[in-house]
Amino acid sequence: MNSRFYIQNNIFKKNLYLLVLFYFFIPSFFYIYFCLFAVFLFLHRRKSVDLALLRTFDSNIIISPVTGVIDKITKENSSFKIEIKVGLFDSYGIFMPFSGDVINYTEEKSLRSILNIFDKEIILKKMKLKSKNNDHLDLEVNSSKKYLRKAHLFLRSGDLASQGALIGYLPLGGKIAIEIANESDVLVKEGDIVSSCQTLIASMKGS
């Protein structure tokens, strides 16, 4: 009789533990997952583009394709290279800097050394764009191989896109570079905060 009571009491305790676990912890897990999903949707939100504002821009104007900070501006023999750093909590959308078409699209793998301790493989996604005025622009995105930080570009060679069109995503931040002709006028400087589809970053000479 005592052993039977002990077994029943033990089963009751196990059921009670499971009930407490289900009542207190399971809803918390669902709540955490819901919050993470809400944050994911917020970070990947689609930016509303003011089309009326874009129509006022001259066809030679280049707008910022992402939201972030101008990290570096390098002047080379025949071009300017403008690097924009996208933060962790910035909008992840990549937008078309001007109206035109994609001439070429390539992906290159490279190794980036970090503190000379280990190498991290990254993928450079490059697009060569041509505007309606036959001006050329190179768009370069540093992408990680990991799925959560892998950049996504929707355009390929031969595609057409209007200024301000959503052309890709850069999840969890990263770096994007724009290379334009040396004759262009750069309208930003290092350290400037830029907003996608709003900040004017350069004016091309036009052909």
N, C-alpha and C. Protein backbone atom coordinates (compact mmCIF):
# COMPACT_ATOMS: atom_id res chain seq x y z
N MET A 1 0.83 -1.20 0.00
CA MET A 1 0.00 0.00 0.00
C MET A 1 0.87 1.25 0.00
N ASN A 2 1.89 1.22 0.79
CA ASN A 2 2.79 2.37 0.85
C ASN A 2 3.54 2.55 -0.45
N SER A 3 3.99 1.45 -1.05
CA SER A 3 4.71 1.56 -2.32
C SER A 3 3.79 2.08 -3.41
N ARG A 4 2.52 1.65 -3.39
CA ARG A 4 1.56 2.13 -4.39
C ARG A 4 1.32 3.62 -4.22
N PHE A 5 1.17 4.02 -2.96
CA PHE A 5 0.97 5.45 -2.70
C PHE A 5 2.19 6.26 -3.13
N TYR A 6 3.38 5.68 -2.91
CA TYR A 6 4.61 6.37 -3.31
C TYR A 6 4.67 6.55 -4.82
N ILE A 7 4.29 5.50 -5.57
CA ILE A 7 4.32 5.58 -7.03
C ILE A 7 3.33 6.61 -7.52
N GLN A 8 2.11 6.60 -6.96
CA GLN A 8 1.10 7.57 -7.37
C GLN A 8 1.54 8.99 -7.04
N ASN A 9 2.14 9.14 -5.86
CA ASN A 9 2.61 10.47 -5.45
C ASN A 9 3.74 10.95 -6.37
N ASN A 10 4.60 10.02 -6.77
CA ASN A 10 5.70 10.36 -7.67
C ASN A 10 5.16 10.77 -9.05
N ILE A 11 4.16 10.05 -9.55
CA ILE A 11 3.54 10.38 -10.84
C ILE A 11 2.87 11.75 -10.76
N PHE A 12 2.22 12.01 -9.62
CA PHE A 12 1.56 13.31 -9.44
C PHE A 12 2.57 14.45 -9.47
N LYS A 13 3.71 14.23 -8.84
CA LYS A 13 4.76 15.26 -8.83
C LYS A 13 5.29 15.51 -10.24
N LYS A 14 5.50 14.45 -11.01
CA LYS A 14 6.00 14.61 -12.37
C LYS A 14 4.99 15.37 -13.22
N ASN A 15 3.71 15.01 -13.08
CA ASN A 15 2.67 15.72 -13.84
C ASN A 15 2.58 17.18 -13.42
N LEU A 16 2.78 17.43 -12.12
CA LEU A 16 2.74 18.80 -11.64
C LEU A 16 3.90 19.61 -12.21
N TYR A 17 5.08 19.01 -12.27
CA TYR A 17 6.24 19.68 -12.84
C TYR A 17 6.01 20.01 -14.32
N LEU A 18 5.44 19.04 -15.04
CA LEU A 18 5.16 19.27 -16.46
C LEU A 18 4.12 20.37 -16.64
N LEU A 19 3.12 20.40 -15.76
CA LEU A 19 2.10 21.44 -15.83
C LEU A 19 2.70 22.82 -15.58
N VAL A 20 3.56 22.90 -14.56
CA VAL A 20 4.22 24.19 -14.26
C VAL A 20 5.12 24.61 -15.41
N LEU A 21 5.86 23.63 -15.97
CA LEU A 21 6.73 23.94 -17.10
C LEU A 21 5.92 24.45 -18.29
N PHE A 22 4.81 23.78 -18.57
CA PHE A 22 3.98 24.19 -19.70
C PHE A 22 3.34 25.57 -19.45
N TYR A 23 2.91 25.81 -18.22
CA TYR A 23 2.18 27.05 -17.89
C TYR A 23 3.10 28.27 -17.90
N PHE A 24 4.32 28.11 -17.41
CA PHE A 24 5.19 29.27 -17.25
C PHE A 24 6.21 29.43 -18.38
N PHE A 25 6.78 28.33 -18.85
CA PHE A 25 7.91 28.45 -19.77
C PHE A 25 7.52 28.37 -21.24
N ILE A 26 6.60 27.53 -21.60
CA ILE A 26 6.22 27.39 -23.01
C ILE A 26 5.70 28.71 -23.58
N PRO A 27 4.78 29.41 -22.90
CA PRO A 27 4.36 30.72 -23.44
C PRO A 27 5.51 31.72 -23.57
N SER A 28 6.48 31.62 -22.65
CA SER A 28 7.63 32.53 -22.72
C SER A 28 8.45 32.26 -23.98
N PHE A 29 8.61 30.97 -24.32
CA PHE A 29 9.33 30.62 -25.54
C PHE A 29 8.62 31.18 -26.77
N PHE A 30 7.29 31.01 -26.82
CA PHE A 30 6.53 31.54 -27.95
C PHE A 30 6.63 33.06 -28.01
N TYR A 31 6.63 33.69 -26.85
CA TYR A 31 6.74 35.15 -26.80
C TYR A 31 8.11 35.61 -27.31
N ILE A 32 9.16 34.89 -26.93
CA ILE A 32 10.51 35.23 -27.40
C ILE A 32 10.60 35.06 -28.91
N TYR A 33 10.06 33.95 -29.42
CA TYR A 33 10.09 33.71 -30.86
C TYR A 33 9.30 34.79 -31.60
N PHE A 34 8.16 35.18 -31.03
CA PHE A 34 7.35 36.22 -31.65
C PHE A 34 8.11 37.55 -31.70
N CYS A 35 8.79 37.89 -30.60
CA CYS A 35 9.56 39.14 -30.56
C CYS A 35 10.70 39.10 -31.58
N LEU A 36 11.40 37.97 -31.67
CA LEU A 36 12.48 37.86 -32.65
C LEU A 36 11.95 37.97 -34.07
N PHE A 37 10.79 37.37 -34.33
CA PHE A 37 10.19 37.44 -35.66
C PHE A 37 9.77 38.87 -35.97
N ALA A 38 9.22 39.58 -34.95
CA ALA A 38 8.82 40.98 -35.15
C ALA A 38 10.03 41.86 -35.44
N VAL A 39 11.14 41.62 -34.73
CA VAL A 39 12.37 42.38 -34.98
C VAL A 39 12.88 42.08 -36.39
N PHE A 40 12.81 40.82 -36.81
CA PHE A 40 13.25 40.44 -38.16
C PHE A 40 12.43 41.18 -39.21
N LEU A 41 11.11 41.23 -39.03
CA LEU A 41 10.26 41.93 -39.99
C LEU A 41 10.55 43.43 -39.99
N PHE A 42 10.81 43.99 -38.80
CA PHE A 42 11.09 45.42 -38.72
C PHE A 42 12.39 45.77 -39.44
N LEU A 43 13.43 44.95 -39.25
CA LEU A 43 14.71 45.24 -39.88
C LEU A 43 14.65 45.05 -41.39
N HIS A 44 13.77 44.18 -41.86
CA HIS A 44 13.63 43.94 -43.29
C HIS A 44 12.44 44.69 -43.89
N ARG A 45 11.99 45.70 -43.16
CA ARG A 45 10.84 46.47 -43.65
C ARG A 45 11.18 47.14 -44.98
N ARG A 46 10.18 47.31 -45.80
CA ARG A 46 10.38 47.96 -47.09
C ARG A 46 10.18 49.45 -46.93
N LYS A 47 11.15 50.20 -47.32
CA LYS A 47 11.12 51.65 -47.18
C LYS A 47 10.14 52.25 -48.18
N SER A 48 9.31 53.17 -47.70
CA SER A 48 8.40 53.87 -48.60
C SER A 48 9.19 54.93 -49.38
N VAL A 49 9.07 54.89 -50.69
CA VAL A 49 9.82 55.78 -51.56
C VAL A 49 8.91 56.90 -52.04
N ASP A 50 9.39 58.12 -51.92
CA ASP A 50 8.65 59.29 -52.39
C ASP A 50 8.90 59.45 -53.89
N LEU A 51 7.99 58.92 -54.68
CA LEU A 51 8.17 58.95 -56.13
C LEU A 51 8.13 60.38 -56.67
N ALA A 52 7.31 61.24 -56.04
CA ALA A 52 7.25 62.64 -56.49
C ALA A 52 8.59 63.33 -56.30
N LEU A 53 9.29 62.98 -55.19
CA LEU A 53 10.61 63.57 -54.95
C LEU A 53 11.61 63.06 -55.97
N LEU A 54 11.55 61.76 -56.30
CA LEU A 54 12.50 61.20 -57.26
C LEU A 54 12.32 61.82 -58.65
N ARG A 55 11.10 62.18 -58.99
CA ARG A 55 10.87 62.77 -60.32
C ARG A 55 11.49 64.15 -60.44
N THR A 56 11.74 64.79 -59.31
CA THR A 56 12.34 66.12 -59.35
C THR A 56 13.85 66.07 -59.56
N PHE A 57 14.45 64.89 -59.38
CA PHE A 57 15.90 64.78 -59.54
C PHE A 57 16.28 64.76 -61.01
N ASP A 58 17.42 65.36 -61.29
CA ASP A 58 17.97 65.29 -62.65
C ASP A 58 18.43 63.86 -62.93
N SER A 59 18.44 63.47 -64.20
CA SER A 59 18.82 62.10 -64.56
C SER A 59 20.28 61.80 -64.25
N ASN A 60 21.08 62.84 -64.01
CA ASN A 60 22.50 62.64 -63.69
C ASN A 60 22.74 62.44 -62.19
N ILE A 61 21.70 62.61 -61.39
CA ILE A 61 21.86 62.53 -59.93
C ILE A 61 21.89 61.08 -59.46
N ILE A 62 22.83 60.78 -58.56
CA ILE A 62 22.92 59.46 -57.93
C ILE A 62 22.44 59.59 -56.49
N ILE A 63 21.44 58.80 -56.13
CA ILE A 63 20.95 58.80 -54.75
C ILE A 63 21.60 57.64 -53.99
N SER A 64 21.58 57.75 -52.67
CA SER A 64 22.18 56.70 -51.85
C SER A 64 21.34 55.43 -51.96
N PRO A 65 21.97 54.29 -52.26
CA PRO A 65 21.21 53.04 -52.37
C PRO A 65 20.87 52.41 -51.03
N VAL A 66 21.53 52.86 -49.96
CA VAL A 66 21.31 52.28 -48.63
C VAL A 66 21.30 53.39 -47.58
N THR A 67 20.88 53.01 -46.39
CA THR A 67 20.95 53.89 -45.22
C THR A 67 22.18 53.52 -44.40
N GLY A 68 23.00 54.52 -44.08
CA GLY A 68 24.21 54.24 -43.32
C GLY A 68 25.09 55.45 -43.19
N VAL A 69 26.39 55.22 -43.11
CA VAL A 69 27.38 56.28 -42.92
C VAL A 69 28.45 56.17 -44.01
N ILE A 70 28.85 57.32 -44.56
CA ILE A 70 29.94 57.32 -45.54
C ILE A 70 31.23 56.95 -44.81
N ASP A 71 31.74 55.77 -45.11
CA ASP A 71 32.91 55.25 -44.39
C ASP A 71 34.22 55.74 -45.02
N LYS A 72 34.29 55.75 -46.35
CA LYS A 72 35.53 56.14 -47.01
C LYS A 72 35.23 56.61 -48.43
N ILE A 73 35.95 57.63 -48.86
CA ILE A 73 35.89 58.11 -50.25
C ILE A 73 37.30 58.09 -50.80
N THR A 74 37.51 57.29 -51.83
CA THR A 74 38.83 57.13 -52.42
C THR A 74 38.82 57.65 -53.86
N LYS A 75 39.79 58.47 -54.17
CA LYS A 75 39.92 58.99 -55.54
C LYS A 75 41.05 58.26 -56.23
N GLU A 76 40.73 57.61 -57.33
CA GLU A 76 41.73 56.90 -58.11
C GLU A 76 41.96 57.63 -59.42
N ASN A 77 42.70 57.01 -60.31
CA ASN A 77 43.06 57.69 -61.56
C ASN A 77 41.84 58.07 -62.39
N SER A 78 40.90 57.16 -62.51
CA SER A 78 39.77 57.41 -63.40
C SER A 78 38.42 57.31 -62.71
N SER A 79 38.41 57.22 -61.38
CA SER A 79 37.13 57.03 -60.71
C SER A 79 37.18 57.47 -59.25
N PHE A 80 35.98 57.67 -58.69
CA PHE A 80 35.77 57.86 -57.26
C PHE A 80 35.13 56.59 -56.71
N LYS A 81 35.58 56.15 -55.54
CA LYS A 81 34.96 55.01 -54.88
C LYS A 81 34.40 55.47 -53.54
N ILE A 82 33.08 55.37 -53.39
CA ILE A 82 32.39 55.81 -52.18
C ILE A 82 31.91 54.56 -51.44
N GLU A 83 32.42 54.36 -50.22
CA GLU A 83 32.03 53.20 -49.41
C GLU A 83 31.06 53.63 -48.32
N ILE A 84 29.94 52.91 -48.23
CA ILE A 84 28.89 53.21 -47.26
C ILE A 84 28.76 52.03 -46.30
N LYS A 85 28.83 52.32 -45.01
CA LYS A 85 28.71 51.29 -43.99
C LYS A 85 27.28 51.25 -43.46
N VAL A 86 26.65 50.09 -43.57
CA VAL A 86 25.28 49.91 -43.10
C VAL A 86 25.32 49.30 -41.71
N GLY A 87 24.67 49.95 -40.75
CA GLY A 87 24.68 49.48 -39.37
C GLY A 87 23.73 48.32 -39.14
N LEU A 88 23.84 47.73 -37.95
CA LEU A 88 23.05 46.56 -37.60
C LEU A 88 21.55 46.85 -37.58
N PHE A 89 21.18 48.06 -37.16
CA PHE A 89 19.76 48.40 -37.03
C PHE A 89 19.30 49.39 -38.09
N ASP A 90 20.10 49.57 -39.14
CA ASP A 90 19.66 50.39 -40.26
C ASP A 90 18.73 49.59 -41.16
N SER A 91 18.05 50.31 -42.05
CA SER A 91 17.21 49.63 -43.04
C SER A 91 18.10 48.79 -43.96
N TYR A 92 17.71 47.55 -44.20
CA TYR A 92 18.57 46.62 -44.95
C TYR A 92 18.34 46.67 -46.45
N GLY A 93 17.37 47.42 -46.93
CA GLY A 93 17.06 47.45 -48.35
C GLY A 93 18.15 48.11 -49.18
N ILE A 94 18.40 47.58 -50.37
CA ILE A 94 19.31 48.18 -51.34
C ILE A 94 18.46 48.68 -52.50
N PHE A 95 18.61 49.97 -52.85
CA PHE A 95 17.76 50.59 -53.85
C PHE A 95 18.59 51.05 -55.05
N MET A 96 17.94 51.14 -56.19
CA MET A 96 18.62 51.54 -57.42
C MET A 96 19.05 53.00 -57.32
N PRO A 97 20.35 53.29 -57.52
CA PRO A 97 20.84 54.67 -57.36
C PRO A 97 20.43 55.60 -58.49
N PHE A 98 20.15 55.07 -59.67
CA PHE A 98 19.63 55.88 -60.78
C PHE A 98 18.86 54.96 -61.73
N SER A 99 18.14 55.55 -62.67
CA SER A 99 17.41 54.75 -63.65
C SER A 99 18.37 54.27 -64.73
N GLY A 100 18.33 52.98 -65.00
CA GLY A 100 19.23 52.43 -66.02
C GLY A 100 19.12 50.93 -66.08
N ASP A 101 20.11 50.30 -66.69
CA ASP A 101 20.10 48.86 -66.85
C ASP A 101 21.40 48.25 -66.35
N VAL A 102 21.36 46.95 -66.13
CA VAL A 102 22.52 46.21 -65.64
C VAL A 102 23.30 45.66 -66.83
N ILE A 103 24.55 46.08 -66.95
CA ILE A 103 25.40 45.60 -68.04
C ILE A 103 26.03 44.26 -67.69
N ASN A 104 26.47 44.15 -66.43
CA ASN A 104 27.19 42.92 -66.04
C ASN A 104 26.96 42.66 -64.56
N TYR A 105 26.92 41.37 -64.19
CA TYR A 105 26.78 40.96 -62.80
C TYR A 105 27.76 39.82 -62.54
N THR A 106 28.58 39.97 -61.48
CA THR A 106 29.56 38.93 -61.14
C THR A 106 29.59 38.71 -59.64
N GLU A 107 30.08 37.54 -59.24
CA GLU A 107 30.32 37.21 -57.83
C GLU A 107 31.72 36.65 -57.70
N GLU A 108 32.48 37.20 -56.76
CA GLU A 108 33.86 36.77 -56.55
C GLU A 108 34.06 36.39 -55.08
N LYS A 109 34.74 35.28 -54.86
CA LYS A 109 35.06 34.85 -53.50
C LYS A 109 36.45 35.35 -53.12
N SER A 110 36.60 35.79 -51.88
CA SER A 110 37.90 36.25 -51.40
C SER A 110 38.02 35.97 -49.92
N LEU A 111 39.25 36.01 -49.41
CA LEU A 111 39.50 35.79 -48.00
C LEU A 111 39.94 37.09 -47.36
N ARG A 112 39.29 37.44 -46.24
CA ARG A 112 39.64 38.65 -45.52
C ARG A 112 40.26 38.26 -44.18
N SER A 113 41.48 38.66 -43.97
CA SER A 113 42.17 38.31 -42.73
C SER A 113 41.71 39.21 -41.60
N ILE A 114 41.42 38.60 -40.45
CA ILE A 114 40.99 39.35 -39.28
C ILE A 114 42.01 39.16 -38.17
N LEU A 115 42.76 40.21 -37.86
CA LEU A 115 43.77 40.19 -36.79
C LEU A 115 44.82 39.10 -37.00
N ASN A 116 44.95 38.66 -38.26
CA ASN A 116 45.93 37.63 -38.61
C ASN A 116 45.74 36.34 -37.81
N ILE A 117 44.54 36.13 -37.28
CA ILE A 117 44.27 34.93 -36.50
C ILE A 117 43.54 33.90 -37.35
N PHE A 118 42.54 34.33 -38.08
CA PHE A 118 41.82 33.43 -38.96
C PHE A 118 41.34 34.21 -40.16
N ASP A 119 41.01 33.48 -41.20
CA ASP A 119 40.52 34.09 -42.43
C ASP A 119 39.02 33.86 -42.54
N LYS A 120 38.34 34.88 -43.02
CA LYS A 120 36.90 34.82 -43.19
C LYS A 120 36.59 34.98 -44.67
N GLU A 121 35.90 34.01 -45.22
CA GLU A 121 35.57 34.06 -46.65
C GLU A 121 34.35 34.94 -46.87
N ILE A 122 34.49 35.87 -47.80
CA ILE A 122 33.39 36.75 -48.15
C ILE A 122 33.16 36.67 -49.64
N ILE A 123 31.99 37.11 -50.07
CA ILE A 123 31.63 37.11 -51.48
C ILE A 123 31.40 38.55 -51.91
N LEU A 124 32.10 38.98 -52.93
CA LEU A 124 31.93 40.31 -53.49
C LEU A 124 30.94 40.22 -54.65
N LYS A 125 29.80 40.84 -54.48
CA LYS A 125 28.80 40.87 -55.54
C LYS A 125 28.89 42.21 -56.25
N LYS A 126 29.16 42.17 -57.56
CA LYS A 126 29.39 43.40 -58.31
C LYS A 126 28.39 43.52 -59.45
N MET A 127 27.88 44.74 -59.62
CA MET A 127 27.00 45.05 -60.73
C MET A 127 27.52 46.29 -61.45
N LYS A 128 27.61 46.20 -62.75
CA LYS A 128 27.96 47.36 -63.55
C LYS A 128 26.67 47.90 -64.16
N LEU A 129 26.36 49.16 -63.83
CA LEU A 129 25.11 49.78 -64.26
C LEU A 129 25.37 50.87 -65.29
N LYS A 130 24.40 51.08 -66.16
CA LYS A 130 24.49 52.15 -67.16
C LYS A 130 23.22 52.98 -67.11
N SER A 131 23.37 54.29 -66.98
CA SER A 131 22.22 55.18 -66.90
C SER A 131 21.68 55.48 -68.29
N LYS A 132 20.57 56.23 -68.33
CA LYS A 132 19.98 56.62 -69.61
C LYS A 132 20.89 57.55 -70.40
N ASN A 133 21.79 58.24 -69.68
CA ASN A 133 22.73 59.15 -70.33
C ASN A 133 24.06 58.47 -70.66
N ASN A 134 24.05 57.13 -70.60
CA ASN A 134 25.24 56.32 -70.90
C ASN A 134 26.37 56.53 -69.88
N ASP A 135 26.04 57.01 -68.69
CA ASP A 135 27.03 57.05 -67.61
C ASP A 135 27.09 55.67 -66.95
N HIS A 136 28.28 55.30 -66.49
CA HIS A 136 28.48 53.99 -65.90
C HIS A 136 28.75 54.11 -64.40
N LEU A 137 28.29 53.09 -63.67
CA LEU A 137 28.46 53.05 -62.22
C LEU A 137 28.67 51.60 -61.81
N ASP A 138 29.62 51.37 -60.92
CA ASP A 138 29.86 50.03 -60.38
C ASP A 138 29.34 49.96 -58.95
N LEU A 139 28.52 48.96 -58.69
CA LEU A 139 27.95 48.75 -57.36
C LEU A 139 28.53 47.46 -56.80
N GLU A 140 29.18 47.56 -55.64
CA GLU A 140 29.86 46.40 -55.04
C GLU A 140 29.33 46.17 -53.63
N VAL A 141 28.92 44.93 -53.35
CA VAL A 141 28.35 44.57 -52.05
C VAL A 141 29.20 43.48 -51.42
N ASN A 142 29.67 43.72 -50.19
CA ASN A 142 30.40 42.70 -49.44
C ASN A 142 29.40 41.79 -48.75
N SER A 143 29.42 40.52 -49.08
CA SER A 143 28.44 39.58 -48.56
C SER A 143 29.14 38.43 -47.85
N SER A 144 28.57 37.99 -46.73
CA SER A 144 29.08 36.82 -46.03
C SER A 144 28.49 35.56 -46.63
N LYS A 145 29.18 34.42 -46.44
CA LYS A 145 28.65 33.15 -46.91
C LYS A 145 27.53 32.65 -46.01
N LYS A 146 27.50 33.11 -44.76
CA LYS A 146 26.48 32.65 -43.83
C LYS A 146 25.11 33.17 -44.26
N TYR A 147 24.09 32.35 -44.10
CA TYR A 147 22.77 32.66 -44.63
C TYR A 147 22.18 33.93 -44.02
N LEU A 148 22.35 34.12 -42.70
CA LEU A 148 21.74 35.27 -42.04
C LEU A 148 22.37 36.59 -42.48
N ARG A 149 23.63 36.56 -42.94
CA ARG A 149 24.31 37.78 -43.36
C ARG A 149 24.57 37.80 -44.86
N LYS A 150 23.94 36.91 -45.58
CA LYS A 150 24.16 36.83 -47.02
C LYS A 150 23.35 37.89 -47.75
N ALA A 151 24.04 38.70 -48.54
CA ALA A 151 23.36 39.76 -49.29
C ALA A 151 22.61 39.13 -50.47
N HIS A 152 21.49 39.75 -50.80
CA HIS A 152 20.66 39.27 -51.90
C HIS A 152 20.44 40.41 -52.89
N LEU A 153 20.83 40.19 -54.14
CA LEU A 153 20.59 41.14 -55.21
C LEU A 153 19.67 40.49 -56.23
N PHE A 154 18.62 41.22 -56.63
CA PHE A 154 17.60 40.63 -57.48
C PHE A 154 17.88 40.83 -58.97
N LEU A 155 18.74 41.77 -59.33
CA LEU A 155 18.96 42.09 -60.73
C LEU A 155 20.09 41.25 -61.32
N ARG A 156 20.00 41.01 -62.61
CA ARG A 156 21.05 40.32 -63.34
C ARG A 156 21.30 41.06 -64.66
N SER A 157 22.26 40.59 -65.41
CA SER A 157 22.64 41.26 -66.65
C SER A 157 21.43 41.39 -67.59
N GLY A 158 21.24 42.63 -68.11
CA GLY A 158 20.14 42.89 -69.02
C GLY A 158 18.89 43.42 -68.37
N ASP A 159 18.80 43.38 -67.04
CA ASP A 159 17.61 43.88 -66.35
C ASP A 159 17.58 45.41 -66.34
N LEU A 160 16.38 45.97 -66.34
CA LEU A 160 16.16 47.40 -66.24
C LEU A 160 15.53 47.72 -64.90
N ALA A 161 15.86 48.89 -64.34
CA ALA A 161 15.28 49.30 -63.06
C ALA A 161 15.21 50.82 -62.98
N SER A 162 14.16 51.31 -62.35
CA SER A 162 14.01 52.75 -62.16
C SER A 162 14.70 53.19 -60.89
N GLN A 163 15.03 54.46 -60.82
CA GLN A 163 15.67 55.02 -59.63
C GLN A 163 14.75 54.84 -58.42
N GLY A 164 15.32 54.32 -57.34
CA GLY A 164 14.54 54.09 -56.12
C GLY A 164 13.90 52.72 -56.03
N ALA A 165 14.04 51.89 -57.07
CA ALA A 165 13.47 50.54 -57.02
C ALA A 165 14.26 49.66 -56.07
N LEU A 166 13.57 48.80 -55.34
CA LEU A 166 14.23 47.86 -54.43
C LEU A 166 14.92 46.78 -55.24
N ILE A 167 16.25 46.68 -55.11
CA ILE A 167 17.01 45.71 -55.92
C ILE A 167 17.70 44.66 -55.07
N GLY A 168 17.57 44.72 -53.74
CA GLY A 168 18.21 43.70 -52.92
C GLY A 168 18.14 44.02 -51.44
N TYR A 169 18.77 43.13 -50.65
CA TYR A 169 18.83 43.28 -49.20
C TYR A 169 20.25 43.01 -48.72
N LEU A 170 20.62 43.69 -47.63
CA LEU A 170 21.91 43.47 -46.97
C LEU A 170 21.63 43.19 -45.49
N PRO A 171 21.28 41.94 -45.14
CA PRO A 171 20.86 41.62 -43.78
C PRO A 171 21.96 41.85 -42.75
N LEU A 172 21.55 42.35 -41.58
CA LEU A 172 22.43 42.55 -40.43
C LEU A 172 23.58 43.50 -40.72
N GLY A 173 23.41 44.37 -41.69
CA GLY A 173 24.41 45.39 -41.98
C GLY A 173 25.56 44.86 -42.80
N GLY A 174 26.47 45.76 -43.12
CA GLY A 174 27.61 45.39 -43.96
C GLY A 174 28.17 46.63 -44.65
N LYS A 175 28.76 46.43 -45.79
CA LYS A 175 29.36 47.54 -46.52
C LYS A 175 29.03 47.43 -48.00
N ILE A 176 28.74 48.59 -48.60
CA ILE A 176 28.45 48.66 -50.02
C ILE A 176 29.27 49.80 -50.61
N ALA A 177 29.80 49.60 -51.80
CA ALA A 177 30.66 50.59 -52.44
C ALA A 177 30.10 50.98 -53.80
N ILE A 178 30.24 52.26 -54.14
CA ILE A 178 29.83 52.77 -55.44
C ILE A 178 31.04 53.40 -56.10
N GLU A 179 31.31 53.00 -57.32
CA GLU A 179 32.43 53.54 -58.07
C GLU A 179 31.90 54.30 -59.28
N ILE A 180 32.26 55.58 -59.36
CA ILE A 180 31.76 56.44 -60.44
C ILE A 180 32.94 57.12 -61.14
N ALA A 181 32.66 57.71 -62.28
CA ALA A 181 33.71 58.34 -63.08
C ALA A 181 34.33 59.52 -62.33
N ASN A 182 35.60 59.76 -62.62
CA ASN A 182 36.36 60.82 -61.96
C ASN A 182 35.80 62.21 -62.23
N GLU A 183 35.07 62.35 -63.36
CA GLU A 183 34.52 63.65 -63.70
C GLU A 183 33.27 64.00 -62.90
N SER A 184 32.74 63.04 -62.17
CA SER A 184 31.52 63.27 -61.39
C SER A 184 31.80 64.16 -60.19
N ASP A 185 30.76 64.82 -59.72
CA ASP A 185 30.84 65.67 -58.53
C ASP A 185 30.32 64.90 -57.33
N VAL A 186 31.18 64.64 -56.35
CA VAL A 186 30.77 63.95 -55.12
C VAL A 186 30.14 64.96 -54.18
N LEU A 187 28.93 64.67 -53.71
CA LEU A 187 28.16 65.61 -52.90
C LEU A 187 28.18 65.27 -51.41
N VAL A 188 28.94 64.26 -51.01
CA VAL A 188 29.02 63.88 -49.60
C VAL A 188 30.48 63.80 -49.18
N LYS A 189 30.71 63.69 -47.88
CA LYS A 189 32.07 63.55 -47.36
C LYS A 189 32.09 62.44 -46.33
N GLU A 190 33.26 62.00 -45.95
CA GLU A 190 33.40 60.92 -44.98
C GLU A 190 32.77 61.31 -43.65
N GLY A 191 32.00 60.38 -43.08
CA GLY A 191 31.33 60.62 -41.81
C GLY A 191 29.89 61.09 -41.96
N ASP A 192 29.47 61.45 -43.17
CA ASP A 192 28.09 61.89 -43.39
C ASP A 192 27.13 60.71 -43.24
N ILE A 193 25.98 61.00 -42.64
CA ILE A 193 24.91 60.00 -42.53
C ILE A 193 24.01 60.13 -43.76
N VAL A 194 23.78 59.02 -44.45
CA VAL A 194 22.97 59.04 -45.66
C VAL A 194 21.74 58.18 -45.46
N SER A 195 20.69 58.54 -46.17
CA SER A 195 19.43 57.81 -46.11
C SER A 195 19.07 57.33 -47.51
N SER A 196 18.68 56.09 -47.61
CA SER A 196 18.37 55.52 -48.93
C SER A 196 17.23 56.27 -49.60
N CYS A 197 17.40 56.53 -50.89
CA CYS A 197 16.41 57.19 -51.74
C CYS A 197 16.17 58.65 -51.39
N GLN A 198 16.96 59.22 -50.48
CA GLN A 198 16.77 60.61 -50.09
C GLN A 198 18.05 61.44 -50.24
N THR A 199 19.16 60.88 -49.81
CA THR A 199 20.43 61.62 -49.85
C THR A 199 21.05 61.58 -51.23
N LEU A 200 21.43 62.75 -51.75
CA LEU A 200 22.14 62.82 -53.02
C LEU A 200 23.63 62.65 -52.75
N ILE A 201 24.24 61.66 -53.38
CA ILE A 201 25.64 61.40 -53.07
C ILE A 201 26.59 61.84 -54.19
N ALA A 202 26.07 61.98 -55.40
CA ALA A 202 26.96 62.40 -56.52
C ALA A 202 26.13 62.88 -57.69
N SER A 203 26.79 63.63 -58.53
CA SER A 203 26.19 64.10 -59.78
C SER A 203 27.13 63.73 -60.92
N MET A 204 26.61 62.97 -61.88
CA MET A 204 27.43 62.52 -62.99
C MET A 204 27.47 63.60 -64.08
N LYS A 205 28.54 63.57 -64.85
CA LYS A 205 28.73 64.58 -65.87
C LYS A 205 27.76 64.40 -67.01
N GLY A 206 27.51 63.17 -67.38
CA GLY A 206 26.62 62.90 -68.50
C GLY A 206 27.38 62.85 -69.81
N SER A 207 26.90 62.00 -70.71
CA SER A 207 27.60 61.83 -71.99
C SER A 207 26.88 62.59 -73.10
